[in-house]
């Protein structure tokens, strides 16, 4: 009798199974923060980034834009308000400056030759590492990617030794067959191609990693169906691999082009823009004008011309390749 009464009493307790549902909590613990509090918390956590971005990114960008319309020079570093506003004079003078036009041509040459080589070699290496090489695949991937994480100083020391016309590695190979090695970095004809080779060697690892990721995202069923239909390796590559890799090709091409348009370290460390300005790029020319000659307004105008060129080429690449990535 007592057992029955106890069981019935438990069944009648609110909030238990079979009883009435427990009421929702009405205290402060059950309330969600208001939208205003959530927004305030978001801004609070974003404040450190916003402060750093404003001080070190946004303000210098806007200051450079203003400087490009002035004759800002060394005398104005301590008194910037005394710089004279000259309108578009810096921009007009740029396109009459033979040195700037030469650097613009050199940069275009670097991009036109370097980007296709980097993309093409990166794609071939990625396909081989993804399909053709089974043993020590990780070793080869690390080996191709190692130059990407190597500092430019170390890369420059190695390549200067390799290309040295008297004691370099290539000079030694030439001497073995009785030939004299050319002066790769001292020749107006060979200096820029030598820098392009070094840049491709240094950056092909990044493109390789991107293409490997894209290749591994291709469904295996598609490849198997092509093989069952009797497709050759080349037909599979041309008809399946390349079309499905077009989004990756677009991304790799855009970032590689932007990086090569900003090329600075290679000529700065290896040739200092020589010989006879044959390796002078826009970024190196900008550095000289701003920090060697202290024509900071002129250098700022040069920077914004390069910015417009980069934006224009990027938009053009997106328009040409975007329709094919759908």
Foldseek 3Di string as FASTA:
>chain_A
DVVVVVVVVVCADECDPNYHNDDDDDDPVPDDDDPVVVVVVVCVVCVVVVVCCVVPPVVVLVVLVQLLQWQFFPVCPVPVVPTGGNGCPLVVVLVVDPLNVLQAVLLVVLLVPQLVLLLVVLLVVLVCLQPVDDPPSVVVLCVQQVLQPDDLVVLQVLLCQQQPQPRHPVQVVQVVVPHGRDNQCADLVRNSVSLSVSVSSNPSSVLNVLLNVQVVPQDVVVVVVCVVVVDDPVRCCVVPSVLSCLVSSLVSSLVVSLPSLLDDSSCVSNHLCDDVNSNNHLNSVLCCVCPVVRSSSSSSSSVVVSVVVSVVVNVVSCVVRVVSND
